Amino acid sequence: MITFAGNKTKYVRTYFRAMNPKLKSVLLWVVTFMLTAVAAVYQRTTGPTYEIRGKVLIDGSTYKFKLIRTYDGHGDAPVEINVADTSVSGEMKFRRYKSYDEWSFSPMIRQGGKLTGYVPHQDMAGKVMYHVILSKRGTSYLLNEEPAVIRFKGFVPRSILWIHIVTIFLAMLFSSRTAL
């Protein structure tokens, strides 16, 4: 039976120093991998490409939505909201990010069970902030209190993107292991 008569931290440090070097190395690699995996998940769920997700309740029906925050296509950026109820209409309000431009409004177009609005295309690295407003029988529903900010970027081939992502996370993995 092990008792902690003195300082617990001192005991853990002493035990860790006395540990088999191979076991210690494996343990540190496992901890490093877990830290890198947590950082990857955090980046994926909070990074600038993560959609703004939410729900809106309109006359007893709940509609889920995703508002895009990055676009690399040609032309205007489509923002689609799945709304099967044909009595619901939509409108987008937008302006360039950090500008003193007046807000512009554009109606959303119904395409089957979706309402689609378009954010005007910008040059690479251009940003636009926007709101989506749904309406039914004179009542308006603002989907996002804070404006969503969409960043326009140039097309990057998937192969180059994957090389970039793998390189970044390998660098994080090895630098974390070095620090431990």
N, C-alpha and C. Protein backbone atom coordinates (compact mmCIF):
# COMPACT_ATOMS: atom_id res chain seq x y z
N MET A 1 0.84 -1.18 0.00
CA MET A 1 0.00 0.00 0.00
C MET A 1 0.88 1.24 0.00
N ILE A 2 0.55 2.19 -0.86
CA ILE A 2 1.32 3.44 -0.95
C ILE A 2 0.58 4.51 -0.19
N THR A 3 1.27 5.18 0.70
CA THR A 3 0.67 6.30 1.42
C THR A 3 1.44 7.56 1.07
N PHE A 4 0.71 8.64 1.08
CA PHE A 4 1.32 9.94 0.79
C PHE A 4 1.51 10.69 2.09
N ALA A 5 2.65 10.50 2.71
CA ALA A 5 2.91 11.17 3.97
C ALA A 5 3.35 12.60 3.74
N GLY A 6 3.97 12.83 2.61
CA GLY A 6 4.49 14.16 2.34
C GLY A 6 3.84 14.78 1.13
N ASN A 7 4.65 15.41 0.32
CA ASN A 7 4.21 16.14 -0.85
C ASN A 7 3.84 15.18 -1.99
N LYS A 8 2.58 15.20 -2.47
CA LYS A 8 2.12 14.30 -3.53
C LYS A 8 2.83 14.59 -4.84
N THR A 9 3.06 15.85 -5.14
CA THR A 9 3.72 16.21 -6.38
C THR A 9 5.13 15.65 -6.41
N LYS A 10 5.81 15.70 -5.30
CA LYS A 10 7.17 15.16 -5.22
C LYS A 10 7.16 13.65 -5.48
N TYR A 11 6.16 12.97 -4.96
CA TYR A 11 6.05 11.52 -5.18
C TYR A 11 5.84 11.22 -6.66
N VAL A 12 4.94 11.96 -7.32
CA VAL A 12 4.66 11.73 -8.74
C VAL A 12 5.92 11.99 -9.57
N ARG A 13 6.63 13.08 -9.26
CA ARG A 13 7.86 13.38 -9.99
C ARG A 13 8.89 12.27 -9.80
N THR A 14 9.03 11.79 -8.59
CA THR A 14 9.99 10.72 -8.30
C THR A 14 9.59 9.45 -9.03
N TYR A 15 8.31 9.11 -9.01
CA TYR A 15 7.82 7.92 -9.69
C TYR A 15 8.04 8.03 -11.20
N PHE A 16 7.77 9.21 -11.76
CA PHE A 16 7.92 9.41 -13.20
C PHE A 16 9.39 9.28 -13.61
N ARG A 17 10.28 9.81 -12.79
CA ARG A 17 11.72 9.70 -13.10
C ARG A 17 12.19 8.26 -13.06
N ALA A 18 11.63 7.49 -12.16
CA ALA A 18 12.06 6.10 -11.99
C ALA A 18 11.39 5.15 -12.99
N MET A 19 10.45 5.65 -13.76
CA MET A 19 9.71 4.82 -14.71
C MET A 19 10.63 4.31 -15.81
N ASN A 20 10.30 3.16 -16.36
CA ASN A 20 11.01 2.58 -17.48
C ASN A 20 11.03 3.61 -18.62
N PRO A 21 12.19 3.91 -19.20
CA PRO A 21 12.28 4.93 -20.25
C PRO A 21 11.37 4.67 -21.46
N LYS A 22 11.23 3.41 -21.87
CA LYS A 22 10.36 3.12 -23.02
C LYS A 22 8.90 3.37 -22.65
N LEU A 23 8.50 2.98 -21.47
CA LEU A 23 7.13 3.21 -21.03
C LEU A 23 6.86 4.71 -20.90
N LYS A 24 7.85 5.44 -20.38
CA LYS A 24 7.72 6.88 -20.25
C LYS A 24 7.55 7.54 -21.62
N SER A 25 8.35 7.09 -22.59
CA SER A 25 8.27 7.64 -23.94
C SER A 25 6.90 7.36 -24.56
N VAL A 26 6.41 6.13 -24.42
CA VAL A 26 5.10 5.78 -24.96
C VAL A 26 4.01 6.62 -24.30
N LEU A 27 4.09 6.76 -22.99
CA LEU A 27 3.10 7.56 -22.26
C LEU A 27 3.11 9.02 -22.73
N LEU A 28 4.30 9.59 -22.92
CA LEU A 28 4.39 10.97 -23.39
C LEU A 28 3.85 11.11 -24.81
N TRP A 29 4.10 10.13 -25.68
CA TRP A 29 3.55 10.18 -27.04
C TRP A 29 2.03 10.09 -27.02
N VAL A 30 1.48 9.27 -26.14
CA VAL A 30 0.02 9.16 -26.03
C VAL A 30 -0.57 10.49 -25.57
N VAL A 31 0.03 11.10 -24.56
CA VAL A 31 -0.45 12.40 -24.07
C VAL A 31 -0.32 13.45 -25.16
N THR A 32 0.79 13.44 -25.88
CA THR A 32 1.01 14.39 -26.98
C THR A 32 -0.03 14.22 -28.07
N PHE A 33 -0.30 12.98 -28.44
CA PHE A 33 -1.30 12.72 -29.48
C PHE A 33 -2.68 13.20 -29.03
N MET A 34 -3.02 12.95 -27.77
CA MET A 34 -4.32 13.39 -27.26
C MET A 34 -4.43 14.91 -27.25
N LEU A 35 -3.37 15.60 -26.86
CA LEU A 35 -3.38 17.07 -26.88
C LEU A 35 -3.56 17.60 -28.31
N THR A 36 -2.85 16.99 -29.26
CA THR A 36 -2.96 17.42 -30.65
C THR A 36 -4.36 17.13 -31.19
N ALA A 37 -4.94 15.99 -30.84
CA ALA A 37 -6.29 15.65 -31.29
C ALA A 37 -7.32 16.64 -30.72
N VAL A 38 -7.17 17.00 -29.45
CA VAL A 38 -8.07 17.98 -28.85
C VAL A 38 -7.92 19.33 -29.56
N ALA A 39 -6.70 19.73 -29.86
CA ALA A 39 -6.48 20.99 -30.58
C ALA A 39 -7.11 20.94 -31.98
N ALA A 40 -7.02 19.79 -32.65
CA ALA A 40 -7.61 19.65 -33.98
C ALA A 40 -9.13 19.77 -33.93
N VAL A 41 -9.74 19.12 -32.96
CA VAL A 41 -11.20 19.20 -32.81
C VAL A 41 -11.61 20.63 -32.48
N TYR A 42 -10.88 21.26 -31.57
CA TYR A 42 -11.17 22.64 -31.19
C TYR A 42 -11.07 23.56 -32.42
N GLN A 43 -10.03 23.39 -33.21
CA GLN A 43 -9.86 24.21 -34.41
C GLN A 43 -11.00 23.99 -35.40
N ARG A 44 -11.40 22.75 -35.55
CA ARG A 44 -12.46 22.43 -36.51
C ARG A 44 -13.80 23.02 -36.09
N THR A 45 -14.06 23.04 -34.79
CA THR A 45 -15.37 23.51 -34.33
C THR A 45 -15.42 25.01 -34.02
N THR A 46 -14.29 25.67 -33.98
CA THR A 46 -14.32 27.10 -33.67
C THR A 46 -13.57 27.96 -34.68
N GLY A 47 -12.93 27.34 -35.65
CA GLY A 47 -12.12 28.09 -36.61
C GLY A 47 -12.95 28.95 -37.55
N PRO A 48 -12.29 29.72 -38.39
CA PRO A 48 -12.99 30.67 -39.26
C PRO A 48 -13.80 30.01 -40.37
N THR A 49 -13.65 28.71 -40.60
CA THR A 49 -14.43 28.05 -41.64
C THR A 49 -15.66 27.35 -41.07
N TYR A 50 -15.80 27.36 -39.76
CA TYR A 50 -16.92 26.68 -39.12
C TYR A 50 -18.22 27.45 -39.35
N GLU A 51 -19.25 26.74 -39.78
CA GLU A 51 -20.54 27.40 -40.02
C GLU A 51 -21.17 27.80 -38.70
N ILE A 52 -21.97 28.86 -38.75
CA ILE A 52 -22.77 29.23 -37.60
C ILE A 52 -24.03 28.37 -37.66
N ARG A 53 -24.26 27.59 -36.63
CA ARG A 53 -25.41 26.69 -36.59
C ARG A 53 -26.43 27.19 -35.59
N GLY A 54 -27.67 26.91 -35.87
CA GLY A 54 -28.71 27.30 -34.94
C GLY A 54 -30.06 26.72 -35.34
N LYS A 55 -31.06 27.12 -34.56
CA LYS A 55 -32.44 26.70 -34.82
C LYS A 55 -33.33 27.91 -34.66
N VAL A 56 -34.44 27.91 -35.38
CA VAL A 56 -35.42 28.97 -35.23
C VAL A 56 -36.80 28.31 -35.16
N LEU A 57 -37.64 28.80 -34.28
CA LEU A 57 -38.99 28.29 -34.11
C LEU A 57 -39.96 29.25 -34.79
N ILE A 58 -40.67 28.75 -35.81
CA ILE A 58 -41.65 29.57 -36.54
C ILE A 58 -42.98 28.84 -36.50
N ASP A 59 -43.94 29.41 -35.84
CA ASP A 59 -45.29 28.82 -35.73
C ASP A 59 -45.26 27.34 -35.34
N GLY A 60 -44.50 27.01 -34.33
CA GLY A 60 -44.46 25.64 -33.83
C GLY A 60 -43.55 24.70 -34.60
N SER A 61 -42.98 25.13 -35.69
CA SER A 61 -42.04 24.29 -36.45
C SER A 61 -40.62 24.79 -36.22
N THR A 62 -39.73 23.85 -35.96
CA THR A 62 -38.33 24.20 -35.73
C THR A 62 -37.54 23.95 -37.01
N TYR A 63 -36.76 24.94 -37.40
CA TYR A 63 -35.92 24.84 -38.59
C TYR A 63 -34.46 25.01 -38.16
N LYS A 64 -33.63 24.04 -38.54
CA LYS A 64 -32.20 24.13 -38.27
C LYS A 64 -31.55 24.86 -39.44
N PHE A 65 -30.47 25.58 -39.15
CA PHE A 65 -29.77 26.28 -40.22
C PHE A 65 -28.27 26.29 -39.99
N LYS A 66 -27.53 26.49 -41.07
CA LYS A 66 -26.08 26.69 -41.06
C LYS A 66 -25.80 27.90 -41.92
N LEU A 67 -25.06 28.86 -41.38
CA LEU A 67 -24.67 30.04 -42.14
C LEU A 67 -23.18 29.93 -42.46
N ILE A 68 -22.86 29.93 -43.75
CA ILE A 68 -21.48 29.73 -44.16
C ILE A 68 -20.61 30.93 -43.77
N ARG A 69 -19.33 30.65 -43.52
CA ARG A 69 -18.39 31.70 -43.13
C ARG A 69 -17.17 31.77 -44.03
N THR A 70 -17.12 30.92 -45.06
CA THR A 70 -16.02 30.99 -46.02
C THR A 70 -16.54 30.50 -47.36
N TYR A 71 -16.01 31.09 -48.43
CA TYR A 71 -16.47 30.72 -49.77
C TYR A 71 -15.32 30.85 -50.74
N ASP A 72 -15.11 29.79 -51.55
CA ASP A 72 -14.01 29.83 -52.52
C ASP A 72 -14.49 29.60 -53.95
N GLY A 73 -15.78 29.70 -54.18
CA GLY A 73 -16.32 29.49 -55.51
C GLY A 73 -16.35 30.77 -56.33
N HIS A 74 -16.82 30.62 -57.55
CA HIS A 74 -16.99 31.77 -58.43
C HIS A 74 -18.39 32.33 -58.22
N GLY A 75 -18.56 33.59 -58.43
CA GLY A 75 -19.88 34.20 -58.30
C GLY A 75 -20.23 34.47 -56.85
N ASP A 76 -21.50 34.79 -56.64
CA ASP A 76 -21.97 35.13 -55.31
C ASP A 76 -22.05 33.87 -54.43
N ALA A 77 -21.89 34.06 -53.12
CA ALA A 77 -21.92 32.94 -52.17
C ALA A 77 -23.35 32.60 -51.79
N PRO A 78 -23.79 31.36 -52.05
CA PRO A 78 -25.16 30.99 -51.70
C PRO A 78 -25.31 30.67 -50.22
N VAL A 79 -26.38 31.17 -49.63
CA VAL A 79 -26.73 30.85 -48.24
C VAL A 79 -28.09 30.17 -48.31
N GLU A 80 -28.13 28.89 -47.94
CA GLU A 80 -29.35 28.10 -48.08
C GLU A 80 -29.92 27.73 -46.71
N ILE A 81 -31.23 27.90 -46.58
CA ILE A 81 -31.95 27.54 -45.36
C ILE A 81 -33.05 26.58 -45.77
N ASN A 82 -33.09 25.39 -45.17
CA ASN A 82 -34.14 24.42 -45.46
C ASN A 82 -35.42 24.83 -44.73
N VAL A 83 -36.42 25.25 -45.49
CA VAL A 83 -37.71 25.65 -44.96
C VAL A 83 -38.78 25.10 -45.90
N ALA A 84 -39.43 24.04 -45.47
CA ALA A 84 -40.44 23.40 -46.32
C ALA A 84 -41.72 24.23 -46.43
N ASP A 85 -42.03 25.01 -45.40
CA ASP A 85 -43.25 25.82 -45.37
C ASP A 85 -43.16 26.94 -46.41
N THR A 86 -44.01 26.88 -47.43
CA THR A 86 -43.94 27.86 -48.52
C THR A 86 -44.46 29.24 -48.12
N SER A 87 -45.10 29.34 -46.95
CA SER A 87 -45.57 30.66 -46.51
C SER A 87 -44.46 31.45 -45.81
N VAL A 88 -43.31 30.81 -45.60
CA VAL A 88 -42.15 31.48 -44.99
C VAL A 88 -41.31 32.07 -46.12
N SER A 89 -40.99 33.36 -45.99
CA SER A 89 -40.10 34.01 -46.96
C SER A 89 -38.83 34.45 -46.23
N GLY A 90 -37.84 34.84 -46.99
CA GLY A 90 -36.58 35.23 -46.38
C GLY A 90 -35.96 36.43 -47.05
N GLU A 91 -35.07 37.07 -46.30
CA GLU A 91 -34.38 38.26 -46.79
C GLU A 91 -32.99 38.26 -46.17
N MET A 92 -32.02 38.75 -46.93
CA MET A 92 -30.67 38.89 -46.41
C MET A 92 -30.32 40.37 -46.30
N LYS A 93 -29.59 40.67 -45.24
CA LYS A 93 -29.12 42.03 -44.99
C LYS A 93 -27.60 41.93 -44.91
N PHE A 94 -26.87 42.72 -45.68
CA PHE A 94 -25.42 42.58 -45.70
C PHE A 94 -24.73 43.90 -46.01
N ARG A 95 -23.44 43.93 -45.64
CA ARG A 95 -22.54 45.03 -46.02
C ARG A 95 -21.10 44.55 -45.85
N ARG A 96 -20.17 45.27 -46.46
CA ARG A 96 -18.75 44.89 -46.32
C ARG A 96 -18.34 44.97 -44.86
N TYR A 97 -17.48 44.05 -44.46
CA TYR A 97 -17.02 43.95 -43.08
C TYR A 97 -16.20 45.18 -42.70
N LYS A 98 -16.47 45.70 -41.52
CA LYS A 98 -15.78 46.87 -40.97
C LYS A 98 -15.85 48.07 -41.90
N SER A 99 -16.99 48.28 -42.51
CA SER A 99 -17.15 49.45 -43.37
C SER A 99 -18.31 50.28 -42.82
N TYR A 100 -18.44 51.45 -43.34
CA TYR A 100 -19.55 52.31 -42.95
C TYR A 100 -20.60 52.35 -44.06
N ASP A 101 -20.56 51.34 -44.93
CA ASP A 101 -21.56 51.23 -45.99
C ASP A 101 -22.94 51.09 -45.36
N GLU A 102 -23.93 51.49 -46.13
CA GLU A 102 -25.32 51.25 -45.70
C GLU A 102 -25.61 49.75 -45.85
N TRP A 103 -26.48 49.23 -45.01
CA TRP A 103 -26.90 47.84 -45.14
C TRP A 103 -27.70 47.69 -46.43
N SER A 104 -27.43 46.65 -47.17
CA SER A 104 -28.18 46.31 -48.38
C SER A 104 -29.09 45.13 -48.06
N PHE A 105 -30.22 45.08 -48.73
CA PHE A 105 -31.18 44.00 -48.53
C PHE A 105 -31.40 43.27 -49.83
N SER A 106 -31.58 41.96 -49.74
CA SER A 106 -31.83 41.14 -50.93
C SER A 106 -32.79 40.02 -50.55
N PRO A 107 -33.86 39.82 -51.34
CA PRO A 107 -34.79 38.74 -51.01
C PRO A 107 -34.17 37.38 -51.27
N MET A 108 -34.58 36.39 -50.48
CA MET A 108 -34.15 35.02 -50.71
C MET A 108 -35.13 34.38 -51.69
N ILE A 109 -34.61 33.50 -52.50
CA ILE A 109 -35.40 32.86 -53.56
C ILE A 109 -35.76 31.44 -53.12
N ARG A 110 -37.02 31.07 -53.28
CA ARG A 110 -37.44 29.71 -52.94
C ARG A 110 -37.07 28.77 -54.06
N GLN A 111 -36.36 27.69 -53.69
CA GLN A 111 -35.99 26.64 -54.64
C GLN A 111 -36.36 25.31 -54.00
N GLY A 112 -37.57 24.85 -54.30
CA GLY A 112 -38.06 23.62 -53.67
C GLY A 112 -38.32 23.87 -52.20
N GLY A 113 -37.72 23.06 -51.34
CA GLY A 113 -37.88 23.21 -49.89
C GLY A 113 -36.82 24.09 -49.26
N LYS A 114 -36.15 24.91 -50.05
CA LYS A 114 -35.08 25.77 -49.54
C LYS A 114 -35.33 27.22 -49.90
N LEU A 115 -34.84 28.09 -49.02
CA LEU A 115 -34.74 29.51 -49.34
C LEU A 115 -33.26 29.78 -49.57
N THR A 116 -32.94 30.42 -50.69
CA THR A 116 -31.54 30.68 -51.02
C THR A 116 -31.33 32.17 -51.23
N GLY A 117 -30.36 32.70 -50.51
CA GLY A 117 -29.94 34.09 -50.69
C GLY A 117 -28.49 34.09 -51.13
N TYR A 118 -28.04 35.22 -51.64
CA TYR A 118 -26.67 35.30 -52.16
C TYR A 118 -25.94 36.49 -51.57
N VAL A 119 -24.72 36.23 -51.08
CA VAL A 119 -23.83 37.28 -50.61
C VAL A 119 -22.98 37.69 -51.80
N PRO A 120 -22.95 39.00 -52.15
CA PRO A 120 -22.19 39.43 -53.32
C PRO A 120 -20.71 39.05 -53.24
N HIS A 121 -20.20 38.56 -54.37
CA HIS A 121 -18.81 38.11 -54.44
C HIS A 121 -17.85 39.27 -54.17
N GLN A 122 -16.76 38.97 -53.49
CA GLN A 122 -15.71 39.94 -53.18
C GLN A 122 -14.38 39.41 -53.72
N ASP A 123 -13.40 40.29 -53.80
CA ASP A 123 -12.05 39.86 -54.16
C ASP A 123 -11.53 38.94 -53.06
N MET A 124 -10.44 38.21 -53.37
CA MET A 124 -9.84 37.34 -52.36
C MET A 124 -9.53 38.14 -51.11
N ALA A 125 -9.78 37.53 -49.96
CA ALA A 125 -9.59 38.10 -48.63
C ALA A 125 -10.65 39.15 -48.29
N GLY A 126 -11.61 39.37 -49.18
CA GLY A 126 -12.70 40.27 -48.88
C GLY A 126 -13.67 39.63 -47.90
N LYS A 127 -14.28 40.45 -47.06
CA LYS A 127 -15.22 39.93 -46.07
C LYS A 127 -16.52 40.72 -46.13
N VAL A 128 -17.60 40.01 -45.91
CA VAL A 128 -18.93 40.62 -45.86
C VAL A 128 -19.62 40.10 -44.61
N MET A 129 -20.30 40.98 -43.90
CA MET A 129 -21.10 40.53 -42.77
C MET A 129 -22.56 40.54 -43.18
N TYR A 130 -23.31 39.54 -42.68
CA TYR A 130 -24.69 39.42 -43.13
C TYR A 130 -25.60 38.85 -42.04
N HIS A 131 -26.87 39.16 -42.17
CA HIS A 131 -27.93 38.61 -41.34
C HIS A 131 -28.92 37.91 -42.25
N VAL A 132 -29.61 36.91 -41.72
CA VAL A 132 -30.70 36.26 -42.44
C VAL A 132 -31.97 36.48 -41.63
N ILE A 133 -33.00 36.95 -42.31
CA ILE A 133 -34.27 37.25 -41.67
C ILE A 133 -35.36 36.45 -42.38
N LEU A 134 -36.06 35.61 -41.63
CA LEU A 134 -37.19 34.87 -42.18
C LEU A 134 -38.47 35.56 -41.72
N SER A 135 -39.52 35.47 -42.54
CA SER A 135 -40.79 36.12 -42.21
C SER A 135 -41.94 35.17 -42.52
N LYS A 136 -42.95 35.26 -41.66
CA LYS A 136 -44.19 34.52 -41.90
C LYS A 136 -45.34 35.33 -41.35
N ARG A 137 -46.30 35.64 -42.20
CA ARG A 137 -47.50 36.41 -41.83
C ARG A 137 -47.16 37.68 -41.05
N GLY A 138 -46.20 38.43 -41.54
CA GLY A 138 -45.86 39.72 -40.94
C GLY A 138 -44.93 39.66 -39.74
N THR A 139 -44.59 38.47 -39.28
CA THR A 139 -43.67 38.33 -38.15
C THR A 139 -42.29 37.97 -38.69
N SER A 140 -41.27 38.72 -38.24
CA SER A 140 -39.90 38.48 -38.70
C SER A 140 -39.11 37.72 -37.65
N TYR A 141 -38.23 36.86 -38.12
CA TYR A 141 -37.37 36.04 -37.25
C TYR A 141 -35.93 36.22 -37.70
N LEU A 142 -35.13 36.88 -36.87
CA LEU A 142 -33.72 37.10 -37.16
C LEU A 142 -32.96 35.84 -36.75
N LEU A 143 -32.28 35.20 -37.69
CA LEU A 143 -31.59 33.95 -37.39
C LEU A 143 -30.30 34.15 -36.60
N ASN A 144 -29.60 35.23 -36.85
CA ASN A 144 -28.32 35.46 -36.17
C ASN A 144 -28.30 36.88 -35.59
N GLU A 145 -28.22 36.93 -34.26
CA GLU A 145 -28.16 38.24 -33.57
C GLU A 145 -26.92 39.02 -34.00
N GLU A 146 -25.78 38.34 -33.92
CA GLU A 146 -24.52 38.94 -34.37
C GLU A 146 -24.39 38.64 -35.87
N PRO A 147 -23.89 39.58 -36.66
CA PRO A 147 -23.76 39.28 -38.09
C PRO A 147 -22.76 38.15 -38.35
N ALA A 148 -23.10 37.28 -39.27
CA ALA A 148 -22.16 36.26 -39.73
C ALA A 148 -21.17 36.96 -40.65
N VAL A 149 -19.91 36.61 -40.55
CA VAL A 149 -18.89 37.21 -41.41
C VAL A 149 -18.38 36.12 -42.35
N ILE A 150 -18.56 36.35 -43.64
CA ILE A 150 -18.10 35.40 -44.64
C ILE A 150 -16.83 35.93 -45.28
N ARG A 151 -15.84 35.05 -45.41
CA ARG A 151 -14.54 35.41 -45.99
C ARG A 151 -14.45 34.76 -47.37
N PHE A 152 -14.13 35.57 -48.35
CA PHE A 152 -13.97 35.06 -49.71
C PHE A 152 -12.50 34.73 -49.92
N LYS A 153 -12.24 33.58 -50.48
CA LYS A 153 -10.86 33.17 -50.71
C LYS A 153 -10.74 32.56 -52.10
N GLY A 154 -9.54 32.44 -52.54
CA GLY A 154 -9.30 31.81 -53.83
C GLY A 154 -9.36 30.29 -53.71
N PHE A 155 -9.55 29.62 -54.81
CA PHE A 155 -9.62 28.17 -54.82
C PHE A 155 -8.25 27.58 -54.51
N VAL A 156 -8.22 26.60 -53.60
CA VAL A 156 -7.01 25.88 -53.27
C VAL A 156 -7.29 24.40 -53.53
N PRO A 157 -6.49 23.73 -54.36
CA PRO A 157 -6.74 22.30 -54.62
C PRO A 157 -6.70 21.49 -53.32
N ARG A 158 -7.55 20.49 -53.25
CA ARG A 158 -7.65 19.66 -52.03
C ARG A 158 -6.31 19.02 -51.66
N SER A 159 -5.53 18.61 -52.67
CA SER A 159 -4.24 17.98 -52.36
C SER A 159 -3.32 18.95 -51.63
N ILE A 160 -3.28 20.18 -52.06
CA ILE A 160 -2.45 21.20 -51.41
C ILE A 160 -3.00 21.49 -50.00
N LEU A 161 -4.30 21.55 -49.88
CA LEU A 161 -4.94 21.81 -48.59
C LEU A 161 -4.62 20.70 -47.59
N TRP A 162 -4.69 19.44 -48.03
CA TRP A 162 -4.39 18.32 -47.12
C TRP A 162 -2.91 18.33 -46.72
N ILE A 163 -2.02 18.63 -47.64
CA ILE A 163 -0.60 18.71 -47.29
C ILE A 163 -0.40 19.79 -46.23
N HIS A 164 -1.05 20.93 -46.41
CA HIS A 164 -0.96 22.03 -45.44
C HIS A 164 -1.47 21.58 -44.06
N ILE A 165 -2.64 20.97 -44.04
CA ILE A 165 -3.24 20.55 -42.76
C ILE A 165 -2.38 19.51 -42.05
N VAL A 166 -1.92 18.51 -42.78
CA VAL A 166 -1.08 17.46 -42.18
C VAL A 166 0.22 18.07 -41.65
N THR A 167 0.83 18.97 -42.40
CA THR A 167 2.07 19.61 -41.96
C THR A 167 1.86 20.40 -40.67
N ILE A 168 0.76 21.15 -40.61
CA ILE A 168 0.48 21.94 -39.41
C ILE A 168 0.31 21.04 -38.19
N PHE A 169 -0.47 19.97 -38.34
CA PHE A 169 -0.71 19.11 -37.18
C PHE A 169 0.49 18.25 -36.82
N LEU A 170 1.31 17.87 -37.78
CA LEU A 170 2.56 17.18 -37.44
C LEU A 170 3.50 18.13 -36.69
N ALA A 171 3.53 19.39 -37.11
CA ALA A 171 4.36 20.36 -36.39
C ALA A 171 3.86 20.53 -34.96
N MET A 172 2.52 20.59 -34.80
CA MET A 172 1.96 20.68 -33.44
C MET A 172 2.31 19.44 -32.62
N LEU A 173 2.21 18.25 -33.25
CA LEU A 173 2.50 17.00 -32.56
C LEU A 173 3.95 16.97 -32.07
N PHE A 174 4.91 17.24 -32.98
CA PHE A 174 6.31 17.16 -32.60
C PHE A 174 6.74 18.28 -31.64
N SER A 175 6.17 19.46 -31.82
CA SER A 175 6.53 20.55 -30.88
C SER A 175 5.96 20.27 -29.49
N SER A 176 4.75 19.69 -29.43
CA SER A 176 4.19 19.34 -28.12
C SER A 176 5.02 18.25 -27.45
N ARG A 177 5.44 17.27 -28.24
CA ARG A 177 6.25 16.17 -27.67
C ARG A 177 7.59 16.70 -27.19
N THR A 178 8.15 17.63 -27.93
CA THR A 178 9.43 18.22 -27.52
C THR A 178 9.26 18.99 -26.21
N ALA A 179 8.13 19.67 -26.07
CA ALA A 179 7.88 20.44 -24.84
C ALA A 179 7.67 19.54 -23.63
N LEU A 180 7.11 18.36 -23.86
CA LEU A 180 6.87 17.46 -22.73
C LEU A 180 8.15 16.74 -22.38
